[in-house]
């Protein structure tokens, strides 16, 4: 998870759900962690999609190497959605945090179980 807040409600929820969560303040600090830990997804908290936030998102996309990127933002509107999707976002998570919304997004990311029976 990339977030300037170390006590993010998203981080706390994921830990309570049993996920191993590694928090970084920036994509630059996350670079050394992606390959050794091979995350299932990356959550980036972007309070507003400013030019700085778009640069952060671009850095995350380069960092992710195909890992799904979830953007947590409090900015509603189709322009924000289009911009984030153009930058490689897999899903948008509205802020403030809604545990059901997090669970829904994570459930959609999990690959289906294939049975040989």
C-alpha atoms as a PDB file:
ATOM      1  CA  UNK A   1       0.000   0.000   0.000  1.00  0.00           C
ATOM      2  CA  UNK A   2       1.321   3.412  -0.936  1.00  0.00           C
ATOM      3  CA  UNK A   3       0.020   6.073   1.413  1.00  0.00           C
ATOM      4  CA  UNK A   4       1.526   8.911   3.391  1.00  0.00           C
ATOM      5  CA  UNK A   5      -0.556   7.819   6.395  1.00  0.00           C
ATOM      6  CA  UNK A   6       0.786   4.861   8.371  1.00  0.00           C
ATOM      7  CA  UNK A   7      -2.529   4.395  10.206  1.00  0.00           C
ATOM      8  CA  UNK A   8      -4.756   4.367   7.145  1.00  0.00           C
ATOM      9  CA  UNK A   9      -8.190   2.774   7.675  1.00  0.00           C
ATOM     10  CA  UNK A  10      -7.609   0.756   4.495  1.00  0.00           C
ATOM     11  CA  UNK A  11      -4.349  -0.626   5.885  1.00  0.00           C
ATOM     12  CA  UNK A  12      -5.984  -1.467   9.203  1.00  0.00           C
ATOM     13  CA  UNK A  13      -8.918  -3.200   7.482  1.00  0.00           C
ATOM     14  CA  UNK A  14      -6.623  -5.303   5.291  1.00  0.00           C
ATOM     15  CA  UNK A  15      -4.587  -6.360   8.319  1.00  0.00           C
ATOM     16  CA  UNK A  16      -7.782  -7.306  10.195  1.00  0.00           C
ATOM     17  CA  UNK A  17      -8.796  -9.397   7.161  1.00  0.00           C
ATOM     18  CA  UNK A  18      -5.557 -11.345   7.526  1.00  0.00           C
ATOM     19  CA  UNK A  19      -3.613  -9.733   4.683  1.00  0.00           C
ATOM     20  CA  UNK A  20       0.078  -9.065   4.975  1.00  0.00           C
ATOM     21  CA  UNK A  21       0.359  -5.348   4.260  1.00  0.00           C
ATOM     22  CA  UNK A  22       3.494  -3.397   3.551  1.00  0.00           C
ATOM     23  CA  UNK A  23       3.080   0.374   3.645  1.00  0.00           C
ATOM     24  CA  UNK A  24       5.294   2.887   1.854  1.00  0.00           C
ATOM     25  CA  UNK A  25       5.055   6.648   1.637  1.00  0.00           C
ATOM     26  CA  UNK A  26       5.865   6.780  -2.086  1.00  0.00           C
ATOM     27  CA  UNK A  27       6.338   4.619  -5.182  1.00  0.00           C
ATOM     28  CA  UNK A  28      10.063   5.320  -4.953  1.00  0.00           C
ATOM     29  CA  UNK A  29      10.231   3.688  -1.515  1.00  0.00           C
ATOM     30  CA  UNK A  30       8.140   0.767  -2.768  1.00  0.00           C
ATOM     31  CA  UNK A  31      10.520  -0.098  -5.619  1.00  0.00           C
ATOM     32  CA  UNK A  32      12.679  -2.357  -3.466  1.00  0.00           C
ATOM     33  CA  UNK A  33       9.686  -4.177  -2.018  1.00  0.00           C
ATOM     34  CA  UNK A  34       7.614  -5.217  -5.038  1.00  0.00           C
ATOM     35  CA  UNK A  35       9.871  -7.938  -6.402  1.00  0.00           C
ATOM     36  CA  UNK A  36      10.871  -9.618  -3.115  1.00  0.00           C
ATOM     37  CA  UNK A  37       7.281  -9.662  -1.793  1.00  0.00           C
ATOM     38  CA  UNK A  38       5.362 -10.136  -5.076  1.00  0.00           C
ATOM     39  CA  UNK A  39       2.133  -8.405  -3.998  1.00  0.00           C
ATOM     40  CA  UNK A  40      -1.269  -9.516  -5.283  1.00  0.00           C
ATOM     41  CA  UNK A  41      -2.280  -5.869  -5.682  1.00  0.00           C
ATOM     42  CA  UNK A  42      -1.074  -2.355  -4.917  1.00  0.00           C
ATOM     43  CA  UNK A  43      -3.342   0.233  -3.310  1.00  0.00           C
ATOM     44  CA  UNK A  44      -2.363   3.856  -3.804  1.00  0.00           C
ATOM     45  CA  UNK A  45      -4.110   6.561  -1.801  1.00  0.00           C
ATOM     46  CA  UNK A  46      -4.384   9.704  -3.902  1.00  0.00           C
ATOM     47  CA  UNK A  47      -6.455  12.352  -2.139  1.00  0.00           C
ATOM     48  CA  UNK A  48      -6.840  14.384  -5.329  1.00  0.00           C
ATOM     49  CA  UNK A  49      -5.630  13.620  -8.792  1.00  0.00           C
ATOM     50  CA  UNK A  50      -3.266  16.568  -9.062  1.00  0.00           C
ATOM     51  CA  UNK A  51      -0.243  16.573 -11.370  1.00  0.00           C
ATOM     52  CA  UNK A  52       1.813  15.232  -8.462  1.00  0.00           C
ATOM     53  CA  UNK A  53      -0.695  12.429  -7.889  1.00  0.00           C
ATOM     54  CA  UNK A  54      -0.723  11.545 -11.597  1.00  0.00           C
ATOM     55  CA  UNK A  55       3.088  11.341 -11.461  1.00  0.00           C
ATOM     56  CA  UNK A  56       2.740   9.032  -8.444  1.00  0.00           C
ATOM     57  CA  UNK A  57       0.272   6.888 -10.355  1.00  0.00           C
ATOM     58  CA  UNK A  58       2.610   6.707 -13.359  1.00  0.00           C
ATOM     59  CA  UNK A  59       5.416   5.617 -11.040  1.00  0.00           C
ATOM     60  CA  UNK A  60       3.179   2.934  -9.587  1.00  0.00           C
ATOM     61  CA  UNK A  61       2.278   1.629 -13.012  1.00  0.00           C
ATOM     62  CA  UNK A  62       5.964   1.294 -13.877  1.00  0.00           C
ATOM     63  CA  UNK A  63       6.584  -0.361 -10.525  1.00  0.00           C
ATOM     64  CA  UNK A  64       3.659  -2.770 -10.694  1.00  0.00           C
ATOM     65  CA  UNK A  65       4.790  -4.888 -13.616  1.00  0.00           C
ATOM     66  CA  UNK A  66       1.269  -6.171 -14.248  1.00  0.00           C
ATOM     67  CA  UNK A  67       0.147  -6.227 -10.599  1.00  0.00           C
ATOM     68  CA  UNK A  68      -3.353  -4.691 -10.288  1.00  0.00           C
ATOM     69  CA  UNK A  69      -3.374  -1.096  -9.029  1.00  0.00           C
ATOM     70  CA  UNK A  70      -6.271   0.144  -6.903  1.00  0.00           C
ATOM     71  CA  UNK A  71      -6.617   3.892  -6.441  1.00  0.00           C
ATOM     72  CA  UNK A  72      -8.236   5.160  -3.250  1.00  0.00           C
ATOM     73  CA  UNK A  73      -9.532   8.698  -3.792  1.00  0.00           C
ATOM     74  CA  UNK A  74     -12.146  11.051  -2.420  1.00  0.00           C
ATOM     75  CA  UNK A  75     -12.611  12.872  -5.731  1.00  0.00           C
ATOM     76  CA  UNK A  76     -15.795  11.742  -7.464  1.00  0.00           C
ATOM     77  CA  UNK A  77     -16.562  12.290 -11.118  1.00  0.00           C
ATOM     78  CA  UNK A  78     -16.062  10.771 -14.503  1.00  0.00           C
ATOM     79  CA  UNK A  79     -13.024  12.930 -15.372  1.00  0.00           C
ATOM     80  CA  UNK A  80     -11.108  11.480 -12.414  1.00  0.00           C
ATOM     81  CA  UNK A  81     -12.175   7.951 -13.329  1.00  0.00           C
ATOM     82  CA  UNK A  82     -11.115   8.368 -16.963  1.00  0.00           C
ATOM     83  CA  UNK A  83      -7.751   9.877 -15.977  1.00  0.00           C
ATOM     84  CA  UNK A  84      -7.010   7.105 -13.483  1.00  0.00           C
ATOM     85  CA  UNK A  85      -8.022   4.381 -15.939  1.00  0.00           C
ATOM     86  CA  UNK A  86      -5.844   5.946 -18.631  1.00  0.00           C
ATOM     87  CA  UNK A  87      -2.925   5.661 -16.238  1.00  0.00           C
ATOM     88  CA  UNK A  88      -3.430   1.932 -15.733  1.00  0.00           C
ATOM     89  CA  UNK A  89      -5.685   1.735 -12.694  1.00  0.00           C
ATOM     90  CA  UNK A  90      -7.480  -1.578 -12.222  1.00  0.00           C
ATOM     91  CA  UNK A  91     -10.112  -0.288  -9.770  1.00  0.00           C
ATOM     92  CA  UNK A  92     -11.172   2.843  -7.915  1.00  0.00           C
ATOM     93  CA  UNK A  93     -11.931   2.760  -4.215  1.00  0.00           C
ATOM     94  CA  UNK A  94     -13.986   5.706  -2.926  1.00  0.00           C
ATOM     95  CA  UNK A  95     -12.913   7.470   0.236  1.00  0.00           C
ATOM     96  CA  UNK A  96     -13.899   7.587   3.020  1.00  0.00           C
ATOM     97  CA  UNK A  97     -13.314   3.883   3.387  1.00  0.00           C
ATOM     98  CA  UNK A  98     -16.210   1.497   3.069  1.00  0.00           C
ATOM     99  CA  UNK A  99     -15.270  -2.043   4.103  1.00  0.00           C
ATOM    100  CA  UNK A 100     -17.834  -3.580   1.742  1.00  0.00           C
ATOM    101  CA  UNK A 101     -16.340  -1.667  -1.198  1.00  0.00           C
ATOM    102  CA  UNK A 102     -12.834  -2.893  -0.333  1.00  0.00           C
ATOM    103  CA  UNK A 103     -14.066  -6.482  -0.009  1.00  0.00           C
ATOM    104  CA  UNK A 104     -15.926  -6.269  -3.351  1.00  0.00           C
ATOM    105  CA  UNK A 105     -12.858  -4.995  -5.203  1.00  0.00           C
ATOM    106  CA  UNK A 106     -10.607  -7.622  -3.645  1.00  0.00           C
ATOM    107  CA  UNK A 107     -13.076 -10.392  -4.444  1.00  0.00           C
ATOM    108  CA  UNK A 108     -13.124  -9.271  -8.078  1.00  0.00           C
ATOM    109  CA  UNK A 109      -9.302  -9.395  -8.205  1.00  0.00           C
ATOM    110  CA  UNK A 110      -9.035 -12.957  -6.897  1.00  0.00           C
ATOM    111  CA  UNK A 111      -8.740 -15.537  -9.664  1.00  0.00           C
ATOM    112  CA  UNK A 112     -11.553 -18.097  -9.805  1.00  0.00           C
ATOM    113  CA  UNK A 113     -10.873 -21.503  -8.318  1.00  0.00           C
ATOM    114  CA  UNK A 114     -10.678 -24.147 -11.041  1.00  0.00           C
ATOM    115  CA  UNK A 115     -11.832 -27.629 -10.165  1.00  0.00           C
ATOM    116  CA  UNK A 116     -10.831 -30.789 -12.048  1.00  0.00           C
ATOM    117  CA  UNK A 117     -13.956 -32.610 -10.904  1.00  0.00           C
END
